[in-house]
């Protein structure tokens, strides 16, 4: 997220860098929420773990939608840098799986 923000800053200034940081935050915050839900279910019976997984994923999707809705209310938001930050954070999870 920081690298993408620095590239956007170099290419278009602080406004694009801020948009990419906000986009990265939209991906990061719901994933932290999901991870905390799963972490709380450690040591629970399998049924509760599965329930926590579904609740966490549902909450993650709702939180992502809500954050995008709120962010699109901000005037002068740069869409492409926003999406580049969002995709950059989401791609970290895929690269982590590939490298493992």
Foldseek 3Di string as FASTA:
>chain_A
DQVLLVVLCVVPRNLLSVLLVLLLVLQPVLVVQLVVLLVVCPPPPPVSNVVSNVVSVVSSVVSSVVSVVVVVVDPPRDPVSSVVSNVVNVVVVVVVVVVD
